[in-house]
Amino acid sequence: MKEKYPATLRGMLDLIDEALCEAEYRGDLADVLSALRGPDEYKFGQNRQYKIDMTAPIRGAAFPKLASSRLIESDGCHYASTAGWQITANPREVRMPRRGPSPAWDHFLNHAYVAAKALRLTIVLTDEVAE
């Protein structure tokens, strides 16, 4: 009987690595994985909200079982403590500024935009610039 998942983390990482190199959708997969976290360089306030507005819908669309679970705080999932996992007004809408305050933000915005398109989320571009 075949196991549902690889037996080890290394096995799962190898499977993901293979998909990132060979799958027809490898570019979209790379963008979704890159957009899950968001940039760390933000001040508390407006930039933090932008990060939540972008990453929470992407996380929810990428991992709907996890996003809908109310037990994620106790099951040891690393995403459970990530800001904004389940906090958005519209979970199918990604709100993002057209540009960020730094090249790192602009790089992230590109990944988030492509990830949202790949996940068929609605993208709302604002004229604001994250500060």
Foldseek 3Di string as FASTA:
>chain_A
DDDPADPDPVRNVVVLVCCCVDPPCNVLSVLLVLLQAADPPDDPDDVVVLNLLQNQLSLCLVDVVCLPDPCVVPPPDPCPPHPNVNDDPDSLEREHEPEEPDPSNRVSVVSSVSNSVVSVGHYHYDPDYHD
